[in-house]
């Protein structure tokens, strides 16, 4: 995955994401929107067969970059917890 970071304005960022599909971007925007007090996050894919998208994060008066990092850390923790639960259920622990 390749990401190009662009700051749009105060409280807003735009990321060009290459090599990913709806799977990662939908999960990320869901976590972002759950965490946002004001503002929004969304992504746009120009063509359904291309793995290129633009991710928009508007945190209102907050810092969109810090929010994005916080959400990514939380997402990683949740995925690690899910993996541990799968391992335990499969008897791999």
N, C-alpha and C. Protein backbone atom coordinates (compact mmCIF):
# COMPACT_ATOMS: atom_id res chain seq x y z
N UNK A 1 0.84 -1.17 0.00
CA UNK A 1 0.00 0.00 0.00
C UNK A 1 0.89 1.24 0.00
N UNK A 2 0.51 2.19 -0.81
CA UNK A 2 1.22 3.47 -0.85
C UNK A 2 0.21 4.56 -0.51
N UNK A 3 0.62 5.51 0.33
CA UNK A 3 -0.27 6.58 0.76
C UNK A 3 0.42 7.92 0.53
N UNK A 4 -0.31 8.85 -0.08
CA UNK A 4 0.17 10.21 -0.27
C UNK A 4 -0.69 11.11 0.61
N UNK A 5 -0.04 11.83 1.51
CA UNK A 5 -0.71 12.67 2.51
C UNK A 5 -0.82 14.10 2.00
N UNK A 6 -2.02 14.66 2.10
CA UNK A 6 -2.23 16.06 1.73
C UNK A 6 -3.08 16.72 2.81
N UNK A 7 -2.60 17.83 3.34
CA UNK A 7 -3.41 18.59 4.30
C UNK A 7 -4.26 19.56 3.50
N UNK A 8 -5.55 19.48 3.70
CA UNK A 8 -6.47 20.32 2.94
C UNK A 8 -6.68 21.66 3.62
N UNK A 9 -6.80 21.64 4.91
CA UNK A 9 -7.03 22.87 5.66
C UNK A 9 -6.99 22.55 7.14
N UNK A 10 -7.36 23.54 7.92
CA UNK A 10 -7.36 23.32 9.37
C UNK A 10 -8.39 22.24 9.73
N UNK A 11 -7.92 21.19 10.32
CA UNK A 11 -8.80 20.10 10.74
C UNK A 11 -9.17 19.12 9.64
N UNK A 12 -8.60 19.26 8.46
CA UNK A 12 -8.94 18.37 7.35
C UNK A 12 -7.69 17.81 6.69
N UNK A 13 -7.76 16.56 6.32
CA UNK A 13 -6.69 15.94 5.54
C UNK A 13 -7.31 15.12 4.42
N UNK A 14 -6.48 14.85 3.46
CA UNK A 14 -6.86 14.03 2.32
C UNK A 14 -5.71 13.07 2.07
N UNK A 15 -6.01 11.81 1.94
CA UNK A 15 -5.00 10.79 1.67
C UNK A 15 -5.32 10.11 0.35
N UNK A 16 -4.34 10.03 -0.51
CA UNK A 16 -4.48 9.23 -1.71
C UNK A 16 -3.93 7.86 -1.38
N UNK A 17 -4.76 6.84 -1.49
CA UNK A 17 -4.40 5.49 -1.07
C UNK A 17 -4.35 4.61 -2.32
N UNK A 18 -3.20 3.97 -2.53
CA UNK A 18 -3.00 3.11 -3.70
C UNK A 18 -2.77 1.68 -3.23
N UNK A 19 -3.43 0.74 -3.87
CA UNK A 19 -3.22 -0.67 -3.57
C UNK A 19 -4.18 -1.22 -2.53
N UNK A 20 -5.26 -0.53 -2.25
CA UNK A 20 -6.26 -1.02 -1.30
C UNK A 20 -7.64 -0.94 -1.92
N UNK A 21 -8.56 -1.72 -1.36
CA UNK A 21 -9.93 -1.75 -1.85
C UNK A 21 -10.88 -1.30 -0.75
N UNK A 22 -12.15 -1.55 -0.97
CA UNK A 22 -13.18 -1.15 -0.01
C UNK A 22 -12.96 -1.77 1.37
N UNK A 23 -12.36 -2.93 1.44
CA UNK A 23 -12.22 -3.65 2.70
C UNK A 23 -11.55 -2.79 3.77
N UNK A 24 -10.39 -2.29 3.49
CA UNK A 24 -9.64 -1.49 4.46
C UNK A 24 -10.25 -0.10 4.62
N UNK A 25 -10.61 0.51 3.51
CA UNK A 25 -11.12 1.89 3.56
C UNK A 25 -12.48 1.97 4.26
N UNK A 26 -13.35 1.01 4.05
CA UNK A 26 -14.64 1.02 4.72
C UNK A 26 -14.47 0.83 6.22
N UNK A 27 -13.60 -0.08 6.61
CA UNK A 27 -13.32 -0.29 8.03
C UNK A 27 -12.75 0.97 8.67
N UNK A 28 -11.80 1.59 8.00
CA UNK A 28 -11.17 2.80 8.53
C UNK A 28 -12.17 3.96 8.66
N UNK A 29 -12.99 4.18 7.65
CA UNK A 29 -13.97 5.27 7.74
C UNK A 29 -15.03 4.98 8.81
N UNK A 30 -15.39 3.72 8.99
CA UNK A 30 -16.36 3.38 10.04
C UNK A 30 -15.80 3.71 11.42
N UNK A 31 -14.54 3.36 11.67
CA UNK A 31 -13.91 3.68 12.94
C UNK A 31 -13.76 5.19 13.12
N UNK A 32 -13.37 5.88 12.05
CA UNK A 32 -13.22 7.33 12.13
C UNK A 32 -14.55 8.01 12.45
N UNK A 33 -15.60 7.64 11.74
CA UNK A 33 -16.90 8.28 11.96
C UNK A 33 -17.46 7.98 13.35
N UNK A 34 -17.14 6.81 13.90
CA UNK A 34 -17.57 6.49 15.26
C UNK A 34 -16.84 7.36 16.28
N UNK A 35 -15.62 7.75 15.98
CA UNK A 35 -14.79 8.52 16.90
C UNK A 35 -15.01 10.03 16.78
N UNK A 36 -15.41 10.49 15.61
CA UNK A 36 -15.57 11.92 15.37
C UNK A 36 -16.73 12.51 16.18
N UNK A 37 -16.46 13.63 16.82
CA UNK A 37 -17.50 14.36 17.54
C UNK A 37 -18.20 15.30 16.56
N UNK A 38 -17.41 15.95 15.72
CA UNK A 38 -17.94 16.77 14.64
C UNK A 38 -17.10 16.49 13.41
N UNK A 39 -17.66 16.74 12.25
CA UNK A 39 -16.93 16.45 11.02
C UNK A 39 -17.36 15.12 10.44
N UNK A 40 -16.55 14.59 9.55
CA UNK A 40 -16.89 13.36 8.85
C UNK A 40 -15.63 12.73 8.27
N UNK A 41 -15.76 11.50 7.86
CA UNK A 41 -14.72 10.86 7.05
C UNK A 41 -15.44 10.05 5.97
N UNK A 42 -14.82 9.99 4.82
CA UNK A 42 -15.39 9.27 3.69
C UNK A 42 -14.26 8.92 2.73
N UNK A 43 -14.54 8.03 1.80
CA UNK A 43 -13.56 7.74 0.77
C UNK A 43 -14.26 7.66 -0.56
N UNK A 44 -13.47 7.81 -1.61
CA UNK A 44 -14.01 7.78 -2.96
C UNK A 44 -13.08 6.97 -3.85
N UNK A 45 -13.66 6.06 -4.60
CA UNK A 45 -12.90 5.27 -5.57
C UNK A 45 -13.41 5.67 -6.95
N UNK A 46 -12.48 6.02 -7.82
CA UNK A 46 -12.85 6.48 -9.16
C UNK A 46 -13.43 5.36 -10.02
N UNK A 47 -12.89 4.15 -9.85
CA UNK A 47 -13.33 3.03 -10.69
C UNK A 47 -13.34 1.77 -9.84
N UNK A 48 -14.37 0.92 -9.96
CA UNK A 48 -14.46 -0.26 -9.09
C UNK A 48 -13.37 -1.31 -9.31
N UNK A 49 -12.72 -1.29 -10.46
CA UNK A 49 -11.67 -2.28 -10.73
C UNK A 49 -10.27 -1.79 -10.37
N UNK A 50 -10.15 -0.51 -10.05
CA UNK A 50 -8.84 0.03 -9.66
C UNK A 50 -8.72 0.02 -8.15
N UNK A 51 -7.52 -0.14 -7.68
CA UNK A 51 -7.27 -0.15 -6.25
C UNK A 51 -6.68 1.19 -5.82
N UNK A 52 -7.28 2.28 -6.28
CA UNK A 52 -6.87 3.63 -5.93
C UNK A 52 -8.07 4.35 -5.33
N UNK A 53 -7.84 5.07 -4.24
CA UNK A 53 -8.94 5.78 -3.60
C UNK A 53 -8.42 7.05 -2.94
N UNK A 54 -9.34 7.91 -2.61
CA UNK A 54 -9.03 9.11 -1.85
C UNK A 54 -9.82 9.06 -0.56
N UNK A 55 -9.12 9.20 0.57
CA UNK A 55 -9.74 9.19 1.89
C UNK A 55 -9.78 10.63 2.39
N UNK A 56 -10.97 11.07 2.82
CA UNK A 56 -11.16 12.41 3.34
C UNK A 56 -11.47 12.32 4.83
N UNK A 57 -10.81 13.16 5.62
CA UNK A 57 -11.10 13.23 7.05
C UNK A 57 -11.23 14.70 7.41
N UNK A 58 -12.40 15.07 7.92
CA UNK A 58 -12.64 16.42 8.39
C UNK A 58 -13.00 16.31 9.87
N UNK A 59 -12.14 16.81 10.72
CA UNK A 59 -12.33 16.70 12.16
C UNK A 59 -12.89 17.98 12.76
N UNK A 60 -13.46 18.83 11.96
CA UNK A 60 -13.99 20.10 12.47
C UNK A 60 -12.85 20.96 12.99
N UNK A 61 -12.91 21.31 14.25
CA UNK A 61 -11.84 22.11 14.86
C UNK A 61 -10.70 21.26 15.40
N UNK A 62 -10.86 19.94 15.39
CA UNK A 62 -9.82 19.04 15.90
C UNK A 62 -8.70 18.81 14.90
N UNK A 63 -7.71 18.06 15.31
CA UNK A 63 -6.57 17.72 14.46
C UNK A 63 -6.85 16.40 13.76
N UNK A 64 -7.11 16.47 12.46
CA UNK A 64 -7.48 15.28 11.70
C UNK A 64 -6.35 14.26 11.65
N UNK A 65 -5.10 14.71 11.58
CA UNK A 65 -3.96 13.80 11.54
C UNK A 65 -3.82 13.01 12.82
N UNK A 66 -3.95 13.69 13.95
CA UNK A 66 -3.87 13.00 15.25
C UNK A 66 -5.02 12.03 15.42
N UNK A 67 -6.20 12.44 14.99
CA UNK A 67 -7.36 11.56 15.07
C UNK A 67 -7.15 10.30 14.24
N UNK A 68 -6.64 10.47 13.04
CA UNK A 68 -6.38 9.33 12.16
C UNK A 68 -5.40 8.36 12.81
N UNK A 69 -4.32 8.87 13.39
CA UNK A 69 -3.35 8.00 14.06
C UNK A 69 -3.97 7.28 15.26
N UNK A 70 -4.78 7.99 16.03
CA UNK A 70 -5.44 7.39 17.18
C UNK A 70 -6.38 6.26 16.75
N UNK A 71 -7.12 6.50 15.68
CA UNK A 71 -8.06 5.49 15.19
C UNK A 71 -7.31 4.28 14.63
N UNK A 72 -6.21 4.49 13.94
CA UNK A 72 -5.43 3.38 13.40
C UNK A 72 -4.87 2.53 14.54
N UNK A 73 -4.37 3.18 15.60
CA UNK A 73 -3.88 2.43 16.77
C UNK A 73 -5.00 1.59 17.39
N UNK A 74 -6.18 2.17 17.54
CA UNK A 74 -7.32 1.45 18.10
C UNK A 74 -7.75 0.29 17.22
N UNK A 75 -7.71 0.50 15.92
CA UNK A 75 -8.06 -0.55 14.97
C UNK A 75 -7.08 -1.71 15.06
N UNK A 76 -5.79 -1.41 15.17
CA UNK A 76 -4.77 -2.45 15.32
C UNK A 76 -5.01 -3.25 16.59
N UNK A 77 -5.31 -2.56 17.70
CA UNK A 77 -5.57 -3.25 18.97
C UNK A 77 -6.78 -4.18 18.83
N UNK A 78 -7.85 -3.69 18.20
CA UNK A 78 -9.04 -4.51 18.03
C UNK A 78 -8.76 -5.74 17.16
N UNK A 79 -7.99 -5.56 16.11
CA UNK A 79 -7.66 -6.70 15.23
C UNK A 79 -6.77 -7.71 15.94
N UNK A 80 -5.83 -7.25 16.76
CA UNK A 80 -4.99 -8.17 17.53
C UNK A 80 -5.83 -8.94 18.54
N UNK A 81 -6.77 -8.27 19.17
CA UNK A 81 -7.67 -8.93 20.11
C UNK A 81 -8.53 -9.98 19.40
N UNK A 82 -9.00 -9.65 18.22
CA UNK A 82 -9.79 -10.61 17.45
C UNK A 82 -8.96 -11.83 17.06
N UNK A 83 -7.71 -11.59 16.69
CA UNK A 83 -6.83 -12.72 16.34
C UNK A 83 -6.60 -13.62 17.55
N UNK A 84 -6.41 -13.03 18.73
CA UNK A 84 -6.23 -13.83 19.94
C UNK A 84 -7.47 -14.67 20.22
N UNK A 85 -8.65 -14.10 20.00
CA UNK A 85 -9.89 -14.84 20.23
C UNK A 85 -10.04 -15.99 19.24
N UNK A 86 -9.66 -15.76 18.00
CA UNK A 86 -9.69 -16.83 17.00
C UNK A 86 -8.72 -17.94 17.36
N UNK A 87 -7.51 -17.55 17.77
CA UNK A 87 -6.51 -18.55 18.16
C UNK A 87 -7.00 -19.37 19.35
N UNK A 88 -7.61 -18.71 20.31
CA UNK A 88 -8.11 -19.41 21.49
C UNK A 88 -9.23 -20.37 21.09
N UNK A 89 -10.11 -19.92 20.22
CA UNK A 89 -11.22 -20.77 19.77
C UNK A 89 -10.72 -21.97 18.96
N UNK A 90 -9.60 -21.78 18.25
CA UNK A 90 -9.04 -22.85 17.45
C UNK A 90 -8.10 -23.75 18.25
N UNK A 91 -7.89 -23.42 19.53
CA UNK A 91 -7.02 -24.21 20.38
C UNK A 91 -5.55 -23.99 20.14
N UNK A 92 -5.17 -22.84 19.60
CA UNK A 92 -3.77 -22.55 19.31
C UNK A 92 -3.07 -21.83 20.46
N UNK A 93 -3.75 -21.59 21.55
CA UNK A 93 -3.14 -20.85 22.65
C UNK A 93 -2.45 -21.74 23.62
